[in-house]
Amino acid sequence: MPTSSDVAGVRSREPSSLGAFNAKVALIAGITGQDGAYLARFLVDKGYVVHGTSRDAALARLDGLIALGIAEQITLHSISPADFQSVAQVIEGVAPDEIYNLLGQSSVLLSFTQPAETLTGIALGTLNILETLRCLRGTVRFYNAGSSDCFGDTGTGAANEQTAFRPKSPYGVAKAAAISLVTNYREAHGLFACSGLLFNHESPLRPHRFVTRKITAAAARIGAGSRERLALGNLSIHPTTSRRCGECFNATNPTTSLLRLASPIRSRNS
């Protein structure tokens, strides 16, 4: 009989690593990024059967999953977030107990040069997952990764769960739209769907195009003897709009905890 590795668009682990038949199944949409890799490791350690998606499973870079030693324990599927049929096919095929939505590119700067792609990947991708769950009428629990960029300009105060969204970038707008869609589908269709508002979190898996990795990589080179100078952009940021960075793997437990609740919680925006 053909296995999942024989199906176009799927990269599969060995059948012997599938674990117990009653293990929970998780689908991580956008598993190849920093957050997806750490979340996958957390769920694998909890005994989950973990599936993930990428735009092209055959060509996807698995650096993060390889670095964490779990690449062979993940089944990877190709998905086009903007294509409802593509999204529905993967979800129906995997039949997950839980879905974690990390779809879309995560660079605020890049969103200004690729606004349409950013909005499509994040907002439309989220909509297609929600609509699939509505059509299936199952008991899948859905988590959507929001962003502190939804808040945008918070004036002179720090943001909290009751702060209104005023996004200042296409990325923030896309994330805010996705959160609104989650709220709508939860309230209109009774889905177990919730969003988490994630503030900046970093790890060694963060791509080098992000400022934190630019700084740490340059510091490492200078420490090794390089005579280069590290130049950054505008540092004259008001203290109330400054950002503090946490550690990425510390966000995985709160993320999964939202799906353990008896019912999804909400804040003013989510």
C-alpha atoms as a PDB file:
ATOM      1  CA  MET A   1       0.000   0.000   0.000  1.00  0.00           C
ATOM      2  CA  PRO A   2       1.217   3.534  -0.649  1.00  0.00           C
ATOM      3  CA  THR A   3       2.306   5.554   2.356  1.00  0.00           C
ATOM      4  CA  SER A   4       1.997   9.287   2.871  1.00  0.00           C
ATOM      5  CA  SER A   5       5.524   9.688   1.544  1.00  0.00           C
ATOM      6  CA  ASP A   6       4.242   8.476  -1.842  1.00  0.00           C
ATOM      7  CA  VAL A   7       1.730  11.320  -2.086  1.00  0.00           C
ATOM      8  CA  ALA A   8       2.777  14.488  -3.902  1.00  0.00           C
ATOM      9  CA  GLY A   9       3.406  17.395  -1.574  1.00  0.00           C
ATOM     10  CA  VAL A  10       4.023  15.311   1.559  1.00  0.00           C
ATOM     11  CA  ARG A  11       7.264  14.568   3.392  1.00  0.00           C
ATOM     12  CA  SER A  12       6.703  11.927   6.036  1.00  0.00           C
ATOM     13  CA  ARG A  13       8.512  10.394   8.978  1.00  0.00           C
ATOM     14  CA  GLU A  14       8.961   6.648   9.334  1.00  0.00           C
ATOM     15  CA  PRO A  15       5.767   4.787  10.303  1.00  0.00           C
ATOM     16  CA  SER A  16       7.515   3.287  13.355  1.00  0.00           C
ATOM     17  CA  SER A  17       7.665   6.731  14.966  1.00  0.00           C
ATOM     18  CA  LEU A  18       3.931   7.355  14.836  1.00  0.00           C
ATOM     19  CA  GLY A  19       3.474   6.389  18.486  1.00  0.00           C
ATOM     20  CA  ALA A  20       0.291   5.238  20.140  1.00  0.00           C
ATOM     21  CA  PHE A  21      -2.847   5.072  18.053  1.00  0.00           C
ATOM     22  CA  ASN A  22      -4.701   7.231  20.593  1.00  0.00           C
ATOM     23  CA  ALA A  23      -2.145  10.032  20.550  1.00  0.00           C
ATOM     24  CA  LYS A  24      -3.500  13.498  19.858  1.00  0.00           C
ATOM     25  CA  VAL A  25      -2.825  14.920  16.404  1.00  0.00           C
ATOM     26  CA  ALA A  26      -1.677  18.511  15.950  1.00  0.00           C
ATOM     27  CA  LEU A  27      -1.385  20.456  12.709  1.00  0.00           C
ATOM     28  CA  ILE A  28       0.979  23.440  12.744  1.00  0.00           C
ATOM     29  CA  ALA A  29       0.318  25.738   9.802  1.00  0.00           C
ATOM     30  CA  GLY A  30       3.672  27.414   9.175  1.00  0.00           C
ATOM     31  CA  ILE A  31       5.860  24.891  10.985  1.00  0.00           C
ATOM     32  CA  THR A  32       9.187  25.766   9.355  1.00  0.00           C
ATOM     33  CA  GLY A  33       9.600  29.143  11.074  1.00  0.00           C
ATOM     34  CA  GLN A  34      11.128  29.868  14.466  1.00  0.00           C
ATOM     35  CA  ASP A  35       7.868  29.563  16.423  1.00  0.00           C
ATOM     36  CA  GLY A  36       6.656  26.543  14.497  1.00  0.00           C
ATOM     37  CA  ALA A  37       9.830  24.590  15.196  1.00  0.00           C
ATOM     38  CA  TYR A  38       9.781  25.208  18.957  1.00  0.00           C
ATOM     39  CA  LEU A  39       6.048  24.508  19.149  1.00  0.00           C
ATOM     40  CA  ALA A  40       6.559  21.259  17.225  1.00  0.00           C
ATOM     41  CA  ARG A  41       9.258  20.129  19.641  1.00  0.00           C
ATOM     42  CA  PHE A  42       7.034  20.961  22.620  1.00  0.00           C
ATOM     43  CA  LEU A  43       4.147  18.931  21.196  1.00  0.00           C
ATOM     44  CA  VAL A  44       6.364  16.003  20.163  1.00  0.00           C
ATOM     45  CA  ASP A  45       7.724  15.882  23.717  1.00  0.00           C
ATOM     46  CA  LYS A  46       4.110  15.756  24.946  1.00  0.00           C
ATOM     47  CA  GLY A  47       3.453  12.680  22.823  1.00  0.00           C
ATOM     48  CA  TYR A  48       1.554  14.325  19.971  1.00  0.00           C
ATOM     49  CA  VAL A  49       1.605  13.162  16.378  1.00  0.00           C
ATOM     50  CA  VAL A  50       2.661  16.388  14.664  1.00  0.00           C
ATOM     51  CA  HIS A  51       1.930  17.469  11.113  1.00  0.00           C
ATOM     52  CA  GLY A  52       3.042  20.760   9.610  1.00  0.00           C
ATOM     53  CA  THR A  53       2.551  22.827   6.499  1.00  0.00           C
ATOM     54  CA  SER A  54       4.768  24.759   4.135  1.00  0.00           C
ATOM     55  CA  ARG A  55       4.089  26.303   0.740  1.00  0.00           C
ATOM     56  CA  ASP A  56       6.187  23.556  -0.867  1.00  0.00           C
ATOM     57  CA  ALA A  57       6.884  20.534   1.312  1.00  0.00           C
ATOM     58  CA  ALA A  58       9.413  19.111  -1.138  1.00  0.00           C
ATOM     59  CA  LEU A  59      11.565  22.260  -1.122  1.00  0.00           C
ATOM     60  CA  ALA A  60      10.944  23.563   2.399  1.00  0.00           C
ATOM     61  CA  ARG A  61      13.968  24.434   4.498  1.00  0.00           C
ATOM     62  CA  LEU A  62      13.856  22.391   7.671  1.00  0.00           C
ATOM     63  CA  ASP A  63      16.829  24.048   9.389  1.00  0.00           C
ATOM     64  CA  GLY A  64      14.916  24.802  12.586  1.00  0.00           C
ATOM     65  CA  LEU A  65      13.359  21.356  12.863  1.00  0.00           C
ATOM     66  CA  ILE A  66      16.741  19.751  12.137  1.00  0.00           C
ATOM     67  CA  ALA A  67      18.487  21.936  14.712  1.00  0.00           C
ATOM     68  CA  LEU A  68      15.969  20.828  17.341  1.00  0.00           C
ATOM     69  CA  GLY A  69      16.367  17.173  16.339  1.00  0.00           C
ATOM     70  CA  ILE A  70      12.743  16.540  15.372  1.00  0.00           C
ATOM     71  CA  ALA A  71      12.680  16.778  11.566  1.00  0.00           C
ATOM     72  CA  GLU A  72      12.165  13.019  11.192  1.00  0.00           C
ATOM     73  CA  GLN A  73       9.194  13.093  13.566  1.00  0.00           C
ATOM     74  CA  ILE A  74       7.157  15.591  11.528  1.00  0.00           C
ATOM     75  CA  THR A  75       4.919  14.947   8.531  1.00  0.00           C
ATOM     76  CA  LEU A  76       5.067  17.979   6.258  1.00  0.00           C
ATOM     77  CA  HIS A  77       2.329  18.931   3.785  1.00  0.00           C
ATOM     78  CA  SER A  78       2.254  21.468   0.966  1.00  0.00           C
ATOM     79  CA  ILE A  79      -0.389  24.156   1.361  1.00  0.00           C
ATOM     80  CA  SER A  80      -1.393  27.345  -0.429  1.00  0.00           C
ATOM     81  CA  PRO A  81      -2.960  29.581   2.245  1.00  0.00           C
ATOM     82  CA  ALA A  82      -4.911  31.624  -0.320  1.00  0.00           C
ATOM     83  CA  ASP A  83      -6.475  28.509  -1.882  1.00  0.00           C
ATOM     84  CA  PHE A  84      -9.447  27.205   0.100  1.00  0.00           C
ATOM     85  CA  GLN A  85      -9.326  23.797  -1.587  1.00  0.00           C
ATOM     86  CA  SER A  86      -5.655  23.385  -0.699  1.00  0.00           C
ATOM     87  CA  VAL A  87      -6.263  24.276   2.935  1.00  0.00           C
ATOM     88  CA  ALA A  88      -9.356  22.084   3.227  1.00  0.00           C
ATOM     89  CA  GLN A  89      -7.624  19.099   1.638  1.00  0.00           C
ATOM     90  CA  VAL A  90      -4.788  19.151   4.161  1.00  0.00           C
ATOM     91  CA  ILE A  91      -7.062  19.589   7.182  1.00  0.00           C
ATOM     92  CA  GLU A  92      -9.431  16.816   6.051  1.00  0.00           C
ATOM     93  CA  GLY A  93      -6.496  14.502   5.335  1.00  0.00           C
ATOM     94  CA  VAL A  94      -4.723  15.068   8.639  1.00  0.00           C
ATOM     95  CA  ALA A  95      -7.927  15.160  10.761  1.00  0.00           C
ATOM     96  CA  PRO A  96      -6.197  16.999  13.622  1.00  0.00           C
ATOM     97  CA  ASP A  97      -7.426  17.457  17.171  1.00  0.00           C
ATOM     98  CA  GLU A  98      -5.709  20.846  17.318  1.00  0.00           C
ATOM     99  CA  ILE A  99      -4.579  23.398  14.735  1.00  0.00           C
ATOM    100  CA  TYR A 100      -1.972  26.069  15.430  1.00  0.00           C
ATOM    101  CA  ASN A 101      -2.028  28.877  12.884  1.00  0.00           C
ATOM    102  CA  LEU A 102       1.362  30.497  12.299  1.00  0.00           C
ATOM    103  CA  LEU A 103       0.782  31.199   8.613  1.00  0.00           C
ATOM    104  CA  GLY A 104       2.337  34.111   6.762  1.00  0.00           C
ATOM    105  CA  GLN A 105       5.596  35.963   6.640  1.00  0.00           C
ATOM    106  CA  SER A 106       6.587  37.581   9.934  1.00  0.00           C
ATOM    107  CA  SER A 107       8.708  40.584   8.935  1.00  0.00           C
ATOM    108  CA  VAL A 108       7.126  43.983   9.604  1.00  0.00           C
ATOM    109  CA  LEU A 109       9.638  45.659   7.285  1.00  0.00           C
ATOM    110  CA  LEU A 110       8.944  43.221   4.463  1.00  0.00           C
ATOM    111  CA  SER A 111       5.206  43.819   4.806  1.00  0.00           C
ATOM    112  CA  PHE A 112       5.676  47.394   3.539  1.00  0.00           C
ATOM    113  CA  THR A 113       7.176  46.123   0.277  1.00  0.00           C
ATOM    114  CA  GLN A 114       4.880  43.082  -0.008  1.00  0.00           C
ATOM    115  CA  PRO A 115       1.569  44.245   1.522  1.00  0.00           C
ATOM    116  CA  ALA A 116      -0.728  42.128  -0.655  1.00  0.00           C
ATOM    117  CA  GLU A 117       1.217  38.921  -0.047  1.00  0.00           C
ATOM    118  CA  THR A 118       1.336  39.683   3.685  1.00  0.00           C
ATOM    119  CA  LEU A 119      -2.420  40.242   3.921  1.00  0.00           C
ATOM    120  CA  THR A 120      -3.190  37.213   1.768  1.00  0.00           C
ATOM    121  CA  GLY A 121      -0.925  34.816   3.655  1.00  0.00           C
ATOM    122  CA  ILE A 122      -2.072  35.882   7.108  1.00  0.00           C
ATOM    123  CA  ALA A 123      -5.688  37.057   6.853  1.00  0.00           C
ATOM    124  CA  LEU A 124      -6.968  34.981   3.926  1.00  0.00           C
ATOM    125  CA  GLY A 125      -5.040  31.948   5.131  1.00  0.00           C
ATOM    126  CA  THR A 126      -6.715  32.255   8.526  1.00  0.00           C
ATOM    127  CA  LEU A 127     -10.124  32.682   6.911  1.00  0.00           C
ATOM    128  CA  ASN A 128      -9.671  29.527   4.835  1.00  0.00           C
ATOM    129  CA  ILE A 129      -8.808  27.486   7.930  1.00  0.00           C
ATOM    130  CA  LEU A 130     -11.811  28.835   9.825  1.00  0.00           C
ATOM    131  CA  GLU A 131     -14.164  28.233   6.921  1.00  0.00           C
ATOM    132  CA  THR A 132     -12.886  24.665   6.593  1.00  0.00           C
ATOM    133  CA  LEU A 133     -13.559  24.064  10.283  1.00  0.00           C
ATOM    134  CA  ARG A 134     -17.043  25.541   9.928  1.00  0.00           C
ATOM    135  CA  CYS A 135     -17.812  23.226   7.029  1.00  0.00           C
ATOM    136  CA  LEU A 136     -16.452  20.137   8.793  1.00  0.00           C
ATOM    137  CA  ARG A 137     -18.499  20.850  11.940  1.00  0.00           C
ATOM    138  CA  GLY A 138     -16.064  18.855  14.057  1.00  0.00           C
ATOM    139  CA  THR A 139     -14.456  19.401  17.444  1.00  0.00           C
ATOM    140  CA  VAL A 140     -11.078  20.718  16.295  1.00  0.00           C
ATOM    141  CA  ARG A 141      -9.563  23.320  18.604  1.00  0.00           C
ATOM    142  CA  PHE A 142      -7.955  26.238  16.796  1.00  0.00           C
ATOM    143  CA  TYR A 143      -5.231  28.616  17.958  1.00  0.00           C
ATOM    144  CA  ASN A 144      -4.294  31.727  15.979  1.00  0.00           C
ATOM    145  CA  ALA A 145      -1.026  33.552  16.591  1.00  0.00           C
ATOM    146  CA  GLY A 146      -1.666  37.272  16.910  1.00  0.00           C
ATOM    147  CA  SER A 147       0.950  39.971  17.356  1.00  0.00           C
ATOM    148  CA  SER A 148       1.702  43.004  19.488  1.00  0.00           C
ATOM    149  CA  ASP A 149       1.957  44.854  16.159  1.00  0.00           C
ATOM    150  CA  CYS A 150      -1.845  44.872  16.150  1.00  0.00           C
ATOM    151  CA  PHE A 151      -1.690  47.560  18.828  1.00  0.00           C
ATOM    152  CA  GLY A 152       0.479  49.954  16.824  1.00  0.00           C
ATOM    153  CA  ASP A 153       0.415  53.373  18.449  1.00  0.00           C
ATOM    154  CA  THR A 154      -0.530  52.992  22.126  1.00  0.00           C
ATOM    155  CA  GLY A 155       0.126  56.628  22.977  1.00  0.00           C
ATOM    156  CA  THR A 156       1.950  57.071  26.272  1.00  0.00           C
ATOM    157  CA  GLY A 157       0.929  53.787  27.894  1.00  0.00           C
ATOM    158  CA  ALA A 158       1.845  50.144  27.532  1.00  0.00           C
ATOM    159  CA  ALA A 159      -0.569  47.814  25.757  1.00  0.00           C
ATOM    160  CA  ASN A 160      -2.728  45.266  27.550  1.00  0.00           C
ATOM    161  CA  GLU A 161      -5.662  43.008  26.659  1.00  0.00           C
ATOM    162  CA  GLN A 162      -8.074  45.966  26.692  1.00  0.00           C
ATOM    163  CA  THR A 163      -6.006  48.265  24.447  1.00  0.00           C
ATOM    164  CA  ALA A 164      -7.645  49.032  21.105  1.00  0.00           C
ATOM    165  CA  PHE A 165      -5.917  47.967  17.908  1.00  0.00           C
ATOM    166  CA  ARG A 166      -4.312  50.770  15.870  1.00  0.00           C
ATOM    167  CA  PRO A 167      -1.871  48.893  13.615  1.00  0.00           C
ATOM    168  CA  LYS A 168       0.790  50.932  11.823  1.00  0.00           C
ATOM    169  CA  SER A 169       2.055  48.384   9.304  1.00  0.00           C
ATOM    170  CA  PRO A 170       0.530  46.021   6.721  1.00  0.00           C
ATOM    171  CA  TYR A 171       1.723  43.166   8.936  1.00  0.00           C
ATOM    172  CA  GLY A 172      -0.147  44.592  11.934  1.00  0.00           C
ATOM    173  CA  VAL A 173      -3.265  45.177   9.825  1.00  0.00           C
ATOM    174  CA  ALA A 174      -3.164  41.564   8.577  1.00  0.00           C
ATOM    175  CA  LYS A 175      -2.763  40.167  12.082  1.00  0.00           C
ATOM    176  CA  ALA A 176      -5.577  42.362  13.407  1.00  0.00           C
ATOM    177  CA  ALA A 177      -7.845  41.197  10.578  1.00  0.00           C
ATOM    178  CA  ALA A 178      -7.048  37.555  11.346  1.00  0.00           C
ATOM    179  CA  ILE A 179      -7.912  38.060  15.017  1.00  0.00           C
ATOM    180  CA  SER A 180     -11.228  39.666  14.079  1.00  0.00           C
ATOM    181  CA  LEU A 181     -12.024  36.708  11.835  1.00  0.00           C
ATOM    182  CA  VAL A 182     -11.304  34.275  14.669  1.00  0.00           C
ATOM    183  CA  THR A 183     -13.624  36.229  16.967  1.00  0.00           C
ATOM    184  CA  ASN A 184     -16.358  36.292  14.333  1.00  0.00           C
ATOM    185  CA  TYR A 185     -16.235  32.569  13.622  1.00  0.00           C
ATOM    186  CA  ARG A 186     -16.173  31.718  17.320  1.00  0.00           C
ATOM    187  CA  GLU A 187     -19.208  33.868  18.082  1.00  0.00           C
ATOM    188  CA  ALA A 188     -21.175  33.226  14.872  1.00  0.00           C
ATOM    189  CA  HIS A 189     -20.471  29.517  14.405  1.00  0.00           C
ATOM    190  CA  GLY A 190     -19.492  28.241  17.856  1.00  0.00           C
ATOM    191  CA  LEU A 191     -15.963  27.168  16.924  1.00  0.00           C
ATOM    192  CA  PHE A 192     -13.398  26.584  19.638  1.00  0.00           C
ATOM    193  CA  ALA A 193     -11.115  29.270  18.250  1.00  0.00           C
ATOM    194  CA  CYS A 194      -8.898  31.721  20.083  1.00  0.00           C
ATOM    195  CA  SER A 195      -5.986  34.081  19.447  1.00  0.00           C
ATOM    196  CA  GLY A 196      -2.861  34.764  21.438  1.00  0.00           C
ATOM    197  CA  LEU A 197      -1.169  38.166  21.364  1.00  0.00           C
ATOM    198  CA  LEU A 198       2.531  37.455  21.088  1.00  0.00           C
ATOM    199  CA  PHE A 199       5.099  40.140  21.832  1.00  0.00           C
ATOM    200  CA  ASN A 200       8.663  39.980  20.539  1.00  0.00           C
ATOM    201  CA  HIS A 201      10.381  36.683  21.295  1.00  0.00           C
ATOM    202  CA  GLU A 202      13.735  35.527  19.996  1.00  0.00           C
ATOM    203  CA  SER A 203      15.893  32.427  19.664  1.00  0.00           C
ATOM    204  CA  PRO A 204      18.932  31.128  17.786  1.00  0.00           C
ATOM    205  CA  LEU A 205      16.474  30.001  15.084  1.00  0.00           C
ATOM    206  CA  ARG A 206      15.475  33.580  14.208  1.00  0.00           C
ATOM    207  CA  PRO A 207      16.473  34.353  10.578  1.00  0.00           C
ATOM    208  CA  HIS A 208      19.406  36.720  10.123  1.00  0.00           C
ATOM    209  CA  ARG A 209      17.285  39.369   8.382  1.00  0.00           C
ATOM    210  CA  PHE A 210      15.811  40.306  11.790  1.00  0.00           C
ATOM    211  CA  VAL A 211      17.562  43.030  13.775  1.00  0.00           C
ATOM    212  CA  THR A 212      18.181  40.872  16.842  1.00  0.00           C
ATOM    213  CA  ARG A 213      20.098  38.322  14.799  1.00  0.00           C
ATOM    214  CA  LYS A 214      21.949  41.050  12.918  1.00  0.00           C
ATOM    215  CA  ILE A 215      23.142  42.382  16.269  1.00  0.00           C
ATOM    216  CA  THR A 216      24.119  39.036  17.771  1.00  0.00           C
ATOM    217  CA  ALA A 217      25.820  37.830  14.583  1.00  0.00           C
ATOM    218  CA  ALA A 218      27.820  41.051  14.253  1.00  0.00           C
ATOM    219  CA  ALA A 219      28.752  40.944  17.948  1.00  0.00           C
ATOM    220  CA  ALA A 220      30.003  37.377  17.516  1.00  0.00           C
ATOM    221  CA  ARG A 221      32.122  38.356  14.508  1.00  0.00           C
ATOM    222  CA  ILE A 222      33.553  41.387  16.308  1.00  0.00           C
ATOM    223  CA  GLY A 223      34.290  39.211  19.329  1.00  0.00           C
ATOM    224  CA  ALA A 224      36.164  36.827  17.040  1.00  0.00           C
ATOM    225  CA  GLY A 225      38.387  39.638  15.779  1.00  0.00           C
ATOM    226  CA  SER A 226      36.456  41.353  13.003  1.00  0.00           C
ATOM    227  CA  ARG A 227      37.137  45.101  12.761  1.00  0.00           C
ATOM    228  CA  GLU A 228      33.698  45.904  11.348  1.00  0.00           C
ATOM    229  CA  ARG A 229      31.312  48.351  12.976  1.00  0.00           C
ATOM    230  CA  LEU A 230      27.658  47.548  13.578  1.00  0.00           C
ATOM    231  CA  ALA A 231      25.371  50.307  12.281  1.00  0.00           C
ATOM    232  CA  LEU A 232      21.685  50.417  13.266  1.00  0.00           C
ATOM    233  CA  GLY A 233      18.822  52.633  12.194  1.00  0.00           C
ATOM    234  CA  ASN A 234      16.821  55.137  14.242  1.00  0.00           C
ATOM    235  CA  LEU A 235      17.433  54.527  17.942  1.00  0.00           C
ATOM    236  CA  SER A 236      15.607  57.612  19.196  1.00  0.00           C
ATOM    237  CA  ILE A 237      12.506  55.700  20.281  1.00  0.00           C
ATOM    238  CA  HIS A 238      10.266  56.974  23.058  1.00  0.00           C
ATOM    239  CA  PRO A 239      10.552  54.724  26.165  1.00  0.00           C
ATOM    240  CA  THR A 240       6.834  53.869  26.100  1.00  0.00           C
ATOM    241  CA  THR A 241       7.086  52.535  22.541  1.00  0.00           C
ATOM    242  CA  SER A 242      10.261  50.503  23.125  1.00  0.00           C
ATOM    243  CA  ARG A 243      10.139  46.713  22.966  1.00  0.00           C
ATOM    244  CA  ARG A 244      11.436  44.010  25.211  1.00  0.00           C
ATOM    245  CA  CYS A 245      12.248  40.594  23.820  1.00  0.00           C
ATOM    246  CA  GLY A 246      11.462  37.298  25.486  1.00  0.00           C
ATOM    247  CA  GLU A 247      12.650  33.791  24.696  1.00  0.00           C
ATOM    248  CA  CYS A 248      10.718  31.967  21.999  1.00  0.00           C
ATOM    249  CA  PHE A 249      10.453  28.597  23.719  1.00  0.00           C
ATOM    250  CA  ASN A 250       8.826  30.258  26.738  1.00  0.00           C
ATOM    251  CA  ALA A 251       5.801  31.068  24.552  1.00  0.00           C
ATOM    252  CA  THR A 252       4.990  27.465  23.646  1.00  0.00           C
ATOM    253  CA  ASN A 253       3.389  26.380  26.936  1.00  0.00           C
ATOM    254  CA  PRO A 254       0.994  29.388  27.174  1.00  0.00           C
ATOM    255  CA  THR A 255       0.129  28.889  23.507  1.00  0.00           C
ATOM    256  CA  THR A 256      -0.949  25.281  23.964  1.00  0.00           C
ATOM    257  CA  SER A 257      -2.604  26.031  27.320  1.00  0.00           C
ATOM    258  CA  LEU A 258      -5.263  28.129  25.563  1.00  0.00           C
ATOM    259  CA  LEU A 259      -6.552  24.974  23.879  1.00  0.00           C
ATOM    260  CA  ARG A 260      -6.800  23.109  27.205  1.00  0.00           C
ATOM    261  CA  LEU A 261      -9.491  25.427  28.560  1.00  0.00           C
ATOM    262  CA  ALA A 262     -13.101  24.352  28.884  1.00  0.00           C
ATOM    263  CA  SER A 263     -14.089  27.219  26.577  1.00  0.00           C
ATOM    264  CA  PRO A 264     -12.088  29.796  24.603  1.00  0.00           C
ATOM    265  CA  ILE A 265     -11.338  33.053  26.381  1.00  0.00           C
ATOM    266  CA  ARG A 266     -11.485  36.463  24.773  1.00  0.00           C
ATOM    267  CA  SER A 267     -10.301  39.993  25.413  1.00  0.00           C
ATOM    268  CA  ARG A 268     -11.546  43.281  23.968  1.00  0.00           C
ATOM    269  CA  ASN A 269      -9.964  42.566  20.592  1.00  0.00           C
ATOM    270  CA  SER A 270      -9.841  38.767  20.458  1.00  0.00           C
END
